[in-house]
Amino acid sequence: MKINNEWKGILKGLVVGAVLMVSATAIAAWSEPSSAPTGGNADAPINVSNTSQIKGGNLVVNSNNQSANGLIVPFGNVLVKDKICNNSGTKCFTVENLCQQVRSLCQ
């Protein structure tokens, strides 16, 4: 069965119209961000200010072994919890015991 040229033109027009309508709907649905990047829509990284900061998850430093030191604290103290144990809890040590064994760590 042959479709005459008039119907081909109508069909092409309908397809083009449908594509334009879908495109216009997508453009109309887009909305501009309410603020500049990280201006209220994302948490700030932990290194942007001098104020105290808390991180809920783990903090991994020097994981690619690019530096001799994993953590450098040039000013202030490093606080380590009082008792540190391995995963099974069979081997534990306290900061006090560690300082007695290695006096240069706790000055």
N, C-alpha and C. Protein backbone atom coordinates (compact mmCIF):
# COMPACT_ATOMS: atom_id res chain seq x y z
N MET A 1 0.83 -1.16 0.00
CA MET A 1 0.00 0.00 0.00
C MET A 1 0.88 1.24 0.00
N LYS A 2 0.61 2.14 -0.88
CA LYS A 2 1.39 3.36 -1.00
C LYS A 2 0.73 4.48 -0.22
N ILE A 3 1.59 5.24 0.46
CA ILE A 3 1.11 6.43 1.15
C ILE A 3 1.46 7.60 0.26
N ASN A 4 0.47 8.41 -0.05
CA ASN A 4 0.75 9.53 -0.95
C ASN A 4 1.58 10.60 -0.24
N ASN A 5 2.15 11.49 -1.00
CA ASN A 5 3.06 12.52 -0.48
C ASN A 5 2.39 13.45 0.53
N GLU A 6 1.10 13.67 0.38
CA GLU A 6 0.40 14.56 1.31
C GLU A 6 0.40 13.98 2.72
N TRP A 7 0.12 12.67 2.82
CA TRP A 7 0.12 12.02 4.13
C TRP A 7 1.52 11.93 4.72
N LYS A 8 2.52 11.75 3.88
CA LYS A 8 3.92 11.74 4.36
C LYS A 8 4.25 13.09 4.99
N GLY A 9 3.84 14.18 4.35
CA GLY A 9 4.09 15.52 4.87
C GLY A 9 3.38 15.75 6.19
N ILE A 10 2.14 15.28 6.28
CA ILE A 10 1.39 15.42 7.53
C ILE A 10 2.06 14.64 8.65
N LEU A 11 2.48 13.42 8.36
CA LEU A 11 3.14 12.57 9.35
C LEU A 11 4.45 13.21 9.83
N LYS A 12 5.25 13.73 8.90
CA LYS A 12 6.50 14.41 9.28
C LYS A 12 6.21 15.61 10.16
N GLY A 13 5.19 16.37 9.83
CA GLY A 13 4.82 17.53 10.63
C GLY A 13 4.40 17.16 12.04
N LEU A 14 3.64 16.07 12.16
CA LEU A 14 3.23 15.60 13.48
C LEU A 14 4.43 15.15 14.33
N VAL A 15 5.36 14.44 13.70
CA VAL A 15 6.55 13.98 14.42
C VAL A 15 7.40 15.16 14.88
N VAL A 16 7.63 16.12 13.98
CA VAL A 16 8.41 17.30 14.33
C VAL A 16 7.71 18.09 15.43
N GLY A 17 6.41 18.23 15.35
CA GLY A 17 5.64 18.94 16.36
C GLY A 17 5.74 18.26 17.72
N ALA A 18 5.64 16.92 17.72
CA ALA A 18 5.75 16.19 18.99
C ALA A 18 7.13 16.37 19.61
N VAL A 19 8.18 16.32 18.79
CA VAL A 19 9.55 16.51 19.30
C VAL A 19 9.70 17.91 19.87
N LEU A 20 9.19 18.91 19.18
CA LEU A 20 9.28 20.29 19.67
C LEU A 20 8.50 20.47 20.97
N MET A 21 7.35 19.83 21.08
CA MET A 21 6.54 19.95 22.29
C MET A 21 7.25 19.31 23.49
N VAL A 22 7.85 18.15 23.30
CA VAL A 22 8.59 17.49 24.37
C VAL A 22 9.80 18.32 24.78
N SER A 23 10.50 18.87 23.80
CA SER A 23 11.67 19.72 24.09
C SER A 23 11.27 20.96 24.86
N ALA A 24 10.19 21.61 24.46
CA ALA A 24 9.73 22.81 25.15
C ALA A 24 9.31 22.50 26.58
N THR A 25 8.69 21.35 26.79
CA THR A 25 8.28 20.95 28.13
C THR A 25 9.51 20.73 29.02
N ALA A 26 10.54 20.09 28.47
CA ALA A 26 11.76 19.85 29.25
C ALA A 26 12.46 21.16 29.60
N ILE A 27 12.49 22.09 28.67
CA ILE A 27 13.13 23.38 28.92
C ILE A 27 12.34 24.16 29.98
N ALA A 28 11.02 24.12 29.90
CA ALA A 28 10.19 24.84 30.86
C ALA A 28 10.30 24.25 32.26
N ALA A 29 10.57 22.95 32.38
CA ALA A 29 10.65 22.31 33.68
C ALA A 29 11.97 22.60 34.39
N TRP A 30 13.00 23.01 33.68
CA TRP A 30 14.30 23.30 34.29
C TRP A 30 14.22 24.57 35.10
N SER A 31 14.81 24.56 36.27
CA SER A 31 14.86 25.78 37.08
C SER A 31 16.29 26.06 37.50
N GLU A 32 16.64 27.30 37.55
CA GLU A 32 17.99 27.73 37.90
C GLU A 32 18.25 27.44 39.38
N PRO A 33 19.49 27.08 39.75
CA PRO A 33 19.80 26.85 41.17
C PRO A 33 19.50 28.09 41.99
N SER A 34 19.10 27.88 43.24
CA SER A 34 18.71 29.01 44.09
C SER A 34 19.89 29.79 44.61
N SER A 35 21.10 29.22 44.58
CA SER A 35 22.29 29.94 45.05
C SER A 35 23.51 29.44 44.30
N ALA A 36 24.61 30.17 44.47
CA ALA A 36 25.87 29.77 43.83
C ALA A 36 26.33 28.44 44.42
N PRO A 37 27.25 27.75 43.77
CA PRO A 37 27.72 26.45 44.28
C PRO A 37 28.14 26.51 45.74
N THR A 38 27.74 25.51 46.46
CA THR A 38 27.91 25.32 47.90
C THR A 38 27.33 26.46 48.72
N GLY A 39 26.42 27.23 48.17
CA GLY A 39 25.79 28.32 48.90
C GLY A 39 24.53 27.89 49.60
N GLY A 40 24.56 26.83 50.31
CA GLY A 40 23.38 26.39 51.04
C GLY A 40 22.83 25.07 50.54
N ASN A 41 23.31 24.57 49.45
CA ASN A 41 22.77 23.31 48.94
C ASN A 41 23.75 22.14 49.04
N ALA A 42 24.90 22.36 49.71
CA ALA A 42 25.86 21.28 49.95
C ALA A 42 26.66 21.62 51.19
N ASP A 43 27.04 20.60 51.94
CA ASP A 43 27.88 20.83 53.12
C ASP A 43 29.26 21.30 52.69
N ALA A 44 29.84 22.19 53.46
CA ALA A 44 31.17 22.69 53.17
C ALA A 44 32.21 21.61 53.49
N PRO A 45 33.31 21.59 52.76
CA PRO A 45 34.37 20.63 53.09
C PRO A 45 34.96 20.94 54.46
N ILE A 46 35.67 19.99 55.03
CA ILE A 46 36.16 20.17 56.40
C ILE A 46 37.37 21.08 56.51
N ASN A 47 37.84 21.67 55.43
CA ASN A 47 39.07 22.46 55.49
C ASN A 47 38.88 23.92 55.11
N VAL A 48 37.70 24.48 55.26
CA VAL A 48 37.46 25.82 54.74
C VAL A 48 37.55 26.93 55.77
N SER A 49 37.69 26.62 57.05
CA SER A 49 37.73 27.70 58.04
C SER A 49 38.56 27.30 59.25
N ASN A 50 38.69 28.26 60.16
CA ASN A 50 39.42 28.02 61.41
C ASN A 50 38.51 27.56 62.53
N THR A 51 37.24 27.42 62.29
CA THR A 51 36.31 27.00 63.33
C THR A 51 36.39 25.49 63.52
N SER A 52 35.99 25.04 64.70
CA SER A 52 35.97 23.60 64.96
C SER A 52 34.98 22.94 64.03
N GLN A 53 35.30 21.75 63.58
CA GLN A 53 34.45 21.04 62.64
C GLN A 53 34.33 19.59 63.05
N ILE A 54 33.22 19.00 62.72
CA ILE A 54 32.96 17.60 63.06
C ILE A 54 32.65 16.85 61.78
N LYS A 55 33.23 15.67 61.64
CA LYS A 55 32.95 14.81 60.51
C LYS A 55 32.35 13.53 61.04
N GLY A 56 31.20 13.16 60.52
CA GLY A 56 30.50 11.98 61.02
C GLY A 56 31.13 10.67 60.58
N GLY A 57 31.68 10.62 59.39
CA GLY A 57 32.25 9.37 58.88
C GLY A 57 33.74 9.29 59.14
N ASN A 58 34.34 8.27 58.57
CA ASN A 58 35.79 8.08 58.72
C ASN A 58 36.55 9.14 57.95
N LEU A 59 37.73 9.45 58.43
CA LEU A 59 38.63 10.36 57.74
C LEU A 59 39.90 9.58 57.41
N VAL A 60 40.17 9.41 56.15
CA VAL A 60 41.34 8.66 55.71
C VAL A 60 42.33 9.64 55.12
N VAL A 61 43.57 9.60 55.61
CA VAL A 61 44.61 10.48 55.09
C VAL A 61 45.76 9.65 54.55
N ASN A 62 46.42 10.15 53.52
CA ASN A 62 47.59 9.52 52.93
C ASN A 62 47.31 8.09 52.47
N SER A 63 46.13 7.83 51.93
CA SER A 63 45.80 6.47 51.53
C SER A 63 46.58 6.01 50.30
N ASN A 64 47.14 6.95 49.55
CA ASN A 64 47.93 6.57 48.38
C ASN A 64 49.43 6.55 48.68
N ASN A 65 49.79 6.73 49.95
CA ASN A 65 51.18 6.63 50.43
C ASN A 65 52.11 7.59 49.70
N GLN A 66 51.65 8.81 49.46
CA GLN A 66 52.45 9.81 48.76
C GLN A 66 53.29 10.66 49.72
N SER A 67 53.08 10.51 51.01
CA SER A 67 53.80 11.33 51.97
C SER A 67 54.32 10.44 53.08
N ALA A 68 55.44 10.85 53.69
CA ALA A 68 56.01 10.06 54.79
C ALA A 68 55.12 10.14 56.03
N ASN A 69 54.39 11.22 56.19
CA ASN A 69 53.53 11.40 57.35
C ASN A 69 52.07 11.34 56.93
N GLY A 70 51.27 10.59 57.67
CA GLY A 70 49.86 10.50 57.35
C GLY A 70 49.06 11.66 57.87
N LEU A 71 49.47 12.23 59.01
CA LEU A 71 48.73 13.32 59.61
C LEU A 71 49.73 14.25 60.28
N ILE A 72 49.68 15.51 59.92
CA ILE A 72 50.58 16.50 60.50
C ILE A 72 49.72 17.54 61.22
N VAL A 73 50.01 17.77 62.49
CA VAL A 73 49.31 18.78 63.28
C VAL A 73 50.39 19.74 63.78
N PRO A 74 50.62 20.86 63.06
CA PRO A 74 51.72 21.74 63.44
C PRO A 74 51.47 22.52 64.73
N PHE A 75 50.22 22.76 65.09
CA PHE A 75 49.91 23.51 66.31
C PHE A 75 48.82 22.78 67.07
N GLY A 76 48.86 22.84 68.36
CA GLY A 76 47.84 22.20 69.18
C GLY A 76 48.15 20.75 69.46
N ASN A 77 47.19 20.04 69.98
CA ASN A 77 47.36 18.66 70.39
C ASN A 77 46.50 17.74 69.54
N VAL A 78 46.87 16.48 69.52
CA VAL A 78 46.07 15.46 68.86
C VAL A 78 45.41 14.66 69.97
N LEU A 79 44.11 14.54 69.93
CA LEU A 79 43.37 13.81 70.94
C LEU A 79 43.04 12.42 70.40
N VAL A 80 43.47 11.41 71.13
CA VAL A 80 43.19 10.02 70.79
C VAL A 80 42.36 9.46 71.92
N LYS A 81 41.38 8.64 71.61
CA LYS A 81 40.54 8.13 72.69
C LYS A 81 41.37 7.33 73.69
N ASP A 82 40.86 7.22 74.91
CA ASP A 82 41.62 6.67 76.04
C ASP A 82 42.09 5.24 75.84
N LYS A 83 41.28 4.43 75.19
CA LYS A 83 41.61 3.02 75.05
C LYS A 83 41.42 2.62 73.59
N ILE A 84 42.42 1.99 73.03
CA ILE A 84 42.36 1.57 71.63
C ILE A 84 42.53 0.06 71.59
N CYS A 85 41.61 -0.61 70.89
CA CYS A 85 41.65 -2.07 70.81
C CYS A 85 41.61 -2.51 69.35
N ASN A 86 42.08 -3.74 69.10
CA ASN A 86 41.92 -4.30 67.76
C ASN A 86 40.46 -4.68 67.55
N ASN A 87 40.10 -5.12 66.36
CA ASN A 87 38.70 -5.40 66.03
C ASN A 87 38.07 -6.46 66.94
N SER A 88 38.84 -7.45 67.34
CA SER A 88 38.27 -8.51 68.18
C SER A 88 38.27 -8.12 69.66
N GLY A 89 38.97 -7.04 70.02
CA GLY A 89 39.01 -6.60 71.42
C GLY A 89 39.96 -7.38 72.28
N THR A 90 40.79 -8.23 71.67
CA THR A 90 41.70 -9.06 72.45
C THR A 90 42.98 -8.32 72.83
N LYS A 91 43.38 -7.34 72.05
CA LYS A 91 44.58 -6.57 72.34
C LYS A 91 44.20 -5.10 72.44
N CYS A 92 44.42 -4.54 73.63
CA CYS A 92 44.10 -3.14 73.86
C CYS A 92 45.29 -2.43 74.49
N PHE A 93 45.37 -1.15 74.28
CA PHE A 93 46.34 -0.34 75.00
C PHE A 93 45.73 1.01 75.28
N THR A 94 46.24 1.63 76.32
CA THR A 94 45.77 2.96 76.66
C THR A 94 46.82 3.96 76.24
N VAL A 95 46.41 5.20 76.14
CA VAL A 95 47.35 6.26 75.79
C VAL A 95 48.43 6.36 76.87
N GLU A 96 48.04 6.19 78.11
CA GLU A 96 49.01 6.26 79.21
C GLU A 96 50.08 5.19 79.07
N ASN A 97 49.67 3.95 78.76
CA ASN A 97 50.64 2.86 78.57
C ASN A 97 51.56 3.14 77.39
N LEU A 98 51.00 3.68 76.32
CA LEU A 98 51.80 3.99 75.15
C LEU A 98 52.82 5.08 75.48
N CYS A 99 52.40 6.09 76.23
CA CYS A 99 53.32 7.16 76.60
C CYS A 99 54.44 6.67 77.51
N GLN A 100 54.16 5.68 78.34
CA GLN A 100 55.19 5.11 79.19
C GLN A 100 56.22 4.34 78.36
N GLN A 101 55.76 3.68 77.31
CA GLN A 101 56.65 2.89 76.48
C GLN A 101 57.45 3.75 75.52
N VAL A 102 56.83 4.79 74.95
CA VAL A 102 57.48 5.64 73.98
C VAL A 102 57.33 7.08 74.46
N ARG A 103 58.25 7.53 75.30
CA ARG A 103 58.13 8.83 75.97
C ARG A 103 58.14 10.00 74.96
N SER A 104 58.78 9.84 73.83
CA SER A 104 58.87 10.97 72.87
C SER A 104 57.52 11.27 72.23
N LEU A 105 56.57 10.34 72.31
CA LEU A 105 55.25 10.58 71.73
C LEU A 105 54.40 11.52 72.57
N CYS A 106 54.64 11.54 73.87
CA CYS A 106 53.77 12.27 74.79
C CYS A 106 54.58 13.32 75.56
N GLN A 107 54.89 14.39 74.96
CA GLN A 107 55.67 15.44 75.63
C GLN A 107 54.80 16.60 75.98
